[in-house]
Amino acid sequence: MERSTGLALLSAMITPAVLISACGTLIFSTSTRVARIVDRVRDISATIERLATEPIEFHQERRMAMDRQLAFYTDRARLIQRALTSFYSSLGLFVATTLAIGATAFLPHLAWLGWLPNVFGVSGALVLFYGCLLLIREARLAFRALDEEMHAALTLAELYRRKRQS
């Protein structure tokens, strides 16, 4: 293999490697989001259990707030699951791109498959983009859930204030 051809091959194989690294970073950060949702759902479940077993002031308002929060977390978890599936899929497609580049370069009888790395690479980029769009939706939903939680806390604070005044 000629030096310029070898450098071109190495350059072609580095691009998917960078995208593989990006997928890994997104997978890690998205997995962290899953862990935080799991922790929060466990907290909400414990609160719901306390509401069912202990006499707590403003029981109904608290229970309704917990139900609304669980709905948000259910939707967020589904979006994150789809995003993670997209990121793992794009990771696989970028690895396939690298392998296809190497195979078409080192196995001359497979040269007719020279289009395959492009298909894998573009497919991986599209799936990665879709996963990013899902994370944008999830982040927006997270802020809506936060707004709802703050509203519920302010409502409880107002109920306590009224109770003290009466």
C-alpha atoms as a PDB file:
ATOM      1  CA  MET A   1       0.000   0.000   0.000  1.00  0.00           C
ATOM      2  CA  GLU A   2       1.344   3.393  -1.002  1.00  0.00           C
ATOM      3  CA  ARG A   3       2.037   6.024   1.734  1.00  0.00           C
ATOM      4  CA  SER A   4      -0.611   8.523   0.508  1.00  0.00           C
ATOM      5  CA  THR A   5      -3.186   5.739   0.287  1.00  0.00           C
ATOM      6  CA  GLY A   6      -2.316   4.619   3.811  1.00  0.00           C
ATOM      7  CA  LEU A   7      -2.719   8.165   5.153  1.00  0.00           C
ATOM      8  CA  ALA A   8      -6.040   8.567   3.361  1.00  0.00           C
ATOM      9  CA  LEU A   9      -7.203   5.271   4.841  1.00  0.00           C
ATOM     10  CA  LEU A  10      -6.103   6.314   8.334  1.00  0.00           C
ATOM     11  CA  SER A  11      -7.868   9.666   7.940  1.00  0.00           C
ATOM     12  CA  ALA A  12     -11.023   7.948   6.746  1.00  0.00           C
ATOM     13  CA  MET A  13     -10.978   5.623   9.760  1.00  0.00           C
ATOM     14  CA  ILE A  14     -10.419   8.451  12.282  1.00  0.00           C
ATOM     15  CA  THR A  15     -13.706  10.224  11.491  1.00  0.00           C
ATOM     16  CA  PRO A  16     -15.888   7.329  12.694  1.00  0.00           C
ATOM     17  CA  ALA A  17     -13.621   6.999  15.760  1.00  0.00           C
ATOM     18  CA  VAL A  18     -14.406  10.591  16.752  1.00  0.00           C
ATOM     19  CA  LEU A  19     -18.118   9.897  16.340  1.00  0.00           C
ATOM     20  CA  ILE A  20     -17.737   6.683  18.354  1.00  0.00           C
ATOM     21  CA  SER A  21     -16.245   8.784  21.155  1.00  0.00           C
ATOM     22  CA  ALA A  22     -19.136  11.261  20.915  1.00  0.00           C
ATOM     23  CA  CYS A  23     -21.616   8.380  21.171  1.00  0.00           C
ATOM     24  CA  GLY A  24     -19.828   7.097  24.259  1.00  0.00           C
ATOM     25  CA  THR A  25     -20.052  10.496  25.922  1.00  0.00           C
ATOM     26  CA  LEU A  26     -23.758  10.775  25.111  1.00  0.00           C
ATOM     27  CA  ILE A  27     -24.390   7.240  26.359  1.00  0.00           C
ATOM     28  CA  PHE A  28     -22.632   8.011  29.641  1.00  0.00           C
ATOM     29  CA  SER A  29     -24.458  11.294  30.252  1.00  0.00           C
ATOM     30  CA  THR A  30     -27.817   9.809  29.250  1.00  0.00           C
ATOM     31  CA  SER A  31     -27.271   6.842  31.561  1.00  0.00           C
ATOM     32  CA  THR A  32     -26.664   9.333  34.370  1.00  0.00           C
ATOM     33  CA  ARG A  33     -30.034  10.892  33.567  1.00  0.00           C
ATOM     34  CA  VAL A  34     -31.651   7.460  33.846  1.00  0.00           C
ATOM     35  CA  ALA A  35     -30.074   6.949  37.270  1.00  0.00           C
ATOM     36  CA  ARG A  36     -31.388  10.296  38.479  1.00  0.00           C
ATOM     37  CA  ILE A  37     -34.896   9.448  37.257  1.00  0.00           C
ATOM     38  CA  VAL A  38     -34.751   6.077  39.007  1.00  0.00           C
ATOM     39  CA  ASP A  39     -33.692   7.771  42.260  1.00  0.00           C
ATOM     40  CA  ARG A  40     -36.447  10.354  41.994  1.00  0.00           C
ATOM     41  CA  VAL A  41     -39.130   7.758  41.208  1.00  0.00           C
ATOM     42  CA  ARG A  42     -38.021   5.782  44.264  1.00  0.00           C
ATOM     43  CA  ASP A  43     -38.348   8.938  46.390  1.00  0.00           C
ATOM     44  CA  ILE A  44     -41.827   9.587  44.998  1.00  0.00           C
ATOM     45  CA  SER A  45     -42.820   5.963  45.652  1.00  0.00           C
ATOM     46  CA  ALA A  46     -41.672   6.277  49.268  1.00  0.00           C
ATOM     47  CA  THR A  47     -43.661   9.497  49.634  1.00  0.00           C
ATOM     48  CA  ILE A  48     -46.771   7.856  48.185  1.00  0.00           C
ATOM     49  CA  GLU A  49     -46.343   4.972  50.639  1.00  0.00           C
ATOM     50  CA  ARG A  50     -46.053   7.438  53.547  1.00  0.00           C
ATOM     51  CA  LEU A  51     -49.162   9.231  52.314  1.00  0.00           C
ATOM     52  CA  ALA A  52     -51.025   5.934  52.366  1.00  0.00           C
ATOM     53  CA  THR A  53     -49.929   4.954  55.884  1.00  0.00           C
ATOM     54  CA  GLU A  54     -49.435   8.171  57.856  1.00  0.00           C
ATOM     55  CA  PRO A  55     -51.797  11.049  58.591  1.00  0.00           C
ATOM     56  CA  ILE A  56     -50.164  13.932  56.723  1.00  0.00           C
ATOM     57  CA  GLU A  57     -51.582  17.417  56.272  1.00  0.00           C
ATOM     58  CA  PHE A  58     -52.874  18.288  52.821  1.00  0.00           C
ATOM     59  CA  HIS A  59     -52.804  14.632  51.868  1.00  0.00           C
ATOM     60  CA  GLN A  60     -54.874  15.032  48.703  1.00  0.00           C
ATOM     61  CA  GLU A  61     -52.783  17.912  47.328  1.00  0.00           C
ATOM     62  CA  ARG A  62     -49.560  16.004  47.970  1.00  0.00           C
ATOM     63  CA  ARG A  63     -50.905  12.847  46.347  1.00  0.00           C
ATOM     64  CA  MET A  64     -52.043  14.739  43.246  1.00  0.00           C
ATOM     65  CA  ALA A  65     -48.618  16.390  42.972  1.00  0.00           C
ATOM     66  CA  MET A  66     -46.895  12.988  43.240  1.00  0.00           C
ATOM     67  CA  ASP A  67     -49.155  11.556  40.534  1.00  0.00           C
ATOM     68  CA  ARG A  68     -48.312  14.449  38.203  1.00  0.00           C
ATOM     69  CA  GLN A  69     -44.598  13.992  38.897  1.00  0.00           C
ATOM     70  CA  LEU A  70     -44.774  10.265  38.167  1.00  0.00           C
ATOM     71  CA  ALA A  71     -46.432  11.027  34.832  1.00  0.00           C
ATOM     72  CA  PHE A  72     -43.566  13.359  33.920  1.00  0.00           C
ATOM     73  CA  TYR A  73     -40.944  10.800  34.938  1.00  0.00           C
ATOM     74  CA  THR A  74     -42.681   8.061  32.960  1.00  0.00           C
ATOM     75  CA  ASP A  75     -42.563  10.182  29.814  1.00  0.00           C
ATOM     76  CA  ARG A  76     -38.964  11.213  30.474  1.00  0.00           C
ATOM     77  CA  ALA A  77     -37.867   7.608  31.013  1.00  0.00           C
ATOM     78  CA  ARG A  78     -39.429   6.551  27.710  1.00  0.00           C
ATOM     79  CA  LEU A  79     -37.679   9.355  25.838  1.00  0.00           C
ATOM     80  CA  ILE A  80     -34.358   8.490  27.445  1.00  0.00           C
ATOM     81  CA  GLN A  81     -34.801   4.807  26.626  1.00  0.00           C
ATOM     82  CA  ARG A  82     -35.333   5.697  22.973  1.00  0.00           C
ATOM     83  CA  ALA A  83     -32.367   8.091  23.025  1.00  0.00           C
ATOM     84  CA  LEU A  84     -30.082   5.442  24.536  1.00  0.00           C
ATOM     85  CA  THR A  85     -31.229   2.925  21.936  1.00  0.00           C
ATOM     86  CA  SER A  86     -30.401   5.498  19.241  1.00  0.00           C
ATOM     87  CA  PHE A  87     -26.959   6.206  20.687  1.00  0.00           C
ATOM     88  CA  TYR A  88     -26.083   2.508  20.965  1.00  0.00           C
ATOM     89  CA  SER A  89     -27.352   1.952  17.422  1.00  0.00           C
ATOM     90  CA  SER A  90     -25.302   4.831  16.046  1.00  0.00           C
ATOM     91  CA  LEU A  91     -22.281   3.548  17.964  1.00  0.00           C
ATOM     92  CA  GLY A  92     -22.706   0.198  16.227  1.00  0.00           C
ATOM     93  CA  LEU A  93     -23.130   1.881  12.857  1.00  0.00           C
ATOM     94  CA  PHE A  94     -19.942   3.918  13.333  1.00  0.00           C
ATOM     95  CA  VAL A  95     -18.014   0.771  14.295  1.00  0.00           C
ATOM     96  CA  ALA A  96     -19.469  -0.896  11.179  1.00  0.00           C
ATOM     97  CA  THR A  97     -18.300   2.139   9.172  1.00  0.00           C
ATOM     98  CA  THR A  98     -14.744   1.701  10.428  1.00  0.00           C
ATOM     99  CA  LEU A  99     -14.792  -2.020   9.707  1.00  0.00           C
ATOM    100  CA  ALA A 100     -16.240  -1.462   6.235  1.00  0.00           C
ATOM    101  CA  ILE A 101     -13.549   1.124   5.445  1.00  0.00           C
ATOM    102  CA  GLY A 102     -10.870  -1.329   6.501  1.00  0.00           C
ATOM    103  CA  ALA A 103     -12.470  -4.266   4.684  1.00  0.00           C
ATOM    104  CA  THR A 104     -12.838  -2.412   1.388  1.00  0.00           C
ATOM    105  CA  ALA A 105      -9.249  -1.123   1.628  1.00  0.00           C
ATOM    106  CA  PHE A 106      -7.528  -4.374   2.573  1.00  0.00           C
ATOM    107  CA  LEU A 107      -9.668  -6.886   0.721  1.00  0.00           C
ATOM    108  CA  PRO A 108      -9.554  -5.889  -2.958  1.00  0.00           C
ATOM    109  CA  HIS A 109     -12.248  -8.410  -3.936  1.00  0.00           C
ATOM    110  CA  LEU A 110     -14.643  -6.375  -1.733  1.00  0.00           C
ATOM    111  CA  ALA A 111     -13.857  -3.078  -3.496  1.00  0.00           C
ATOM    112  CA  TRP A 112     -17.279  -3.204  -5.137  1.00  0.00           C
ATOM    113  CA  LEU A 113     -18.690  -2.595  -1.621  1.00  0.00           C
ATOM    114  CA  GLY A 114     -17.040   0.835  -1.481  1.00  0.00           C
ATOM    115  CA  TRP A 115     -20.474   2.434  -0.968  1.00  0.00           C
ATOM    116  CA  LEU A 116     -21.064   0.515   2.269  1.00  0.00           C
ATOM    117  CA  PRO A 117     -18.978   2.738   4.613  1.00  0.00           C
ATOM    118  CA  ASN A 118     -20.911   5.773   3.369  1.00  0.00           C
ATOM    119  CA  VAL A 119     -24.250   4.104   4.068  1.00  0.00           C
ATOM    120  CA  PHE A 120     -23.158   3.057   7.555  1.00  0.00           C
ATOM    121  CA  GLY A 121     -21.676   6.484   8.308  1.00  0.00           C
ATOM    122  CA  VAL A 122     -24.665   8.507   7.127  1.00  0.00           C
ATOM    123  CA  SER A 123     -27.064   6.121   8.868  1.00  0.00           C
ATOM    124  CA  GLY A 124     -25.081   6.450  12.098  1.00  0.00           C
ATOM    125  CA  ALA A 125     -25.139  10.239  11.863  1.00  0.00           C
ATOM    126  CA  LEU A 126     -28.900  10.292  11.262  1.00  0.00           C
ATOM    127  CA  VAL A 127     -29.586   7.968  14.189  1.00  0.00           C
ATOM    128  CA  LEU A 128     -27.254  10.036  16.393  1.00  0.00           C
ATOM    129  CA  PHE A 129     -29.131  13.177  15.374  1.00  0.00           C
ATOM    130  CA  TYR A 130     -32.464  11.516  16.218  1.00  0.00           C
ATOM    131  CA  GLY A 131     -31.138  10.586  19.670  1.00  0.00           C
ATOM    132  CA  CYS A 132     -30.092  14.197  20.231  1.00  0.00           C
ATOM    133  CA  LEU A 133     -33.578  15.403  19.278  1.00  0.00           C
ATOM    134  CA  LEU A 134     -35.031  12.969  21.814  1.00  0.00           C
ATOM    135  CA  LEU A 135     -32.737  14.384  24.511  1.00  0.00           C
ATOM    136  CA  ILE A 136     -33.873  17.908  23.651  1.00  0.00           C
ATOM    137  CA  ARG A 137     -37.486  16.793  24.149  1.00  0.00           C
ATOM    138  CA  GLU A 138     -36.526  15.094  27.415  1.00  0.00           C
ATOM    139  CA  ALA A 139     -34.735  18.207  28.687  1.00  0.00           C
ATOM    140  CA  ARG A 140     -37.772  20.341  27.915  1.00  0.00           C
ATOM    141  CA  LEU A 141     -39.962  17.836  29.734  1.00  0.00           C
ATOM    142  CA  ALA A 142     -37.562  17.894  32.699  1.00  0.00           C
ATOM    143  CA  PHE A 143     -37.979  21.662  32.967  1.00  0.00           C
ATOM    144  CA  ARG A 144     -41.764  21.320  32.759  1.00  0.00           C
ATOM    145  CA  ALA A 145     -41.600  18.751  35.563  1.00  0.00           C
ATOM    146  CA  LEU A 146     -39.443  21.119  37.596  1.00  0.00           C
ATOM    147  CA  ASP A 147     -41.948  23.931  37.059  1.00  0.00           C
ATOM    148  CA  GLU A 148     -44.740  21.606  38.189  1.00  0.00           C
ATOM    149  CA  GLU A 149     -42.787  20.579  41.280  1.00  0.00           C
ATOM    150  CA  MET A 150     -42.093  24.208  42.189  1.00  0.00           C
ATOM    151  CA  HIS A 151     -45.765  25.046  41.678  1.00  0.00           C
ATOM    152  CA  ALA A 152     -46.747  22.175  43.990  1.00  0.00           C
ATOM    153  CA  ALA A 153     -44.283  23.381  46.651  1.00  0.00           C
ATOM    154  CA  LEU A 154     -45.614  26.934  46.415  1.00  0.00           C
ATOM    155  CA  THR A 155     -49.184  25.639  46.662  1.00  0.00           C
ATOM    156  CA  LEU A 156     -48.315  23.720  49.846  1.00  0.00           C
ATOM    157  CA  ALA A 157     -46.565  26.778  51.265  1.00  0.00           C
ATOM    158  CA  GLU A 158     -49.691  28.831  50.600  1.00  0.00           C
ATOM    159  CA  LEU A 159     -51.904  26.192  52.232  1.00  0.00           C
ATOM    160  CA  TYR A 160     -49.695  26.210  55.343  1.00  0.00           C
ATOM    161  CA  ARG A 161     -49.727  30.010  55.416  1.00  0.00           C
ATOM    162  CA  ARG A 162     -53.524  30.071  55.274  1.00  0.00           C
ATOM    163  CA  LYS A 163     -53.731  27.436  57.988  1.00  0.00           C
ATOM    164  CA  ARG A 164     -51.495  29.488  60.315  1.00  0.00           C
ATOM    165  CA  GLN A 165     -53.611  32.581  59.714  1.00  0.00           C
ATOM    166  CA  SER A 166     -56.881  30.853  60.546  1.00  0.00           C
END
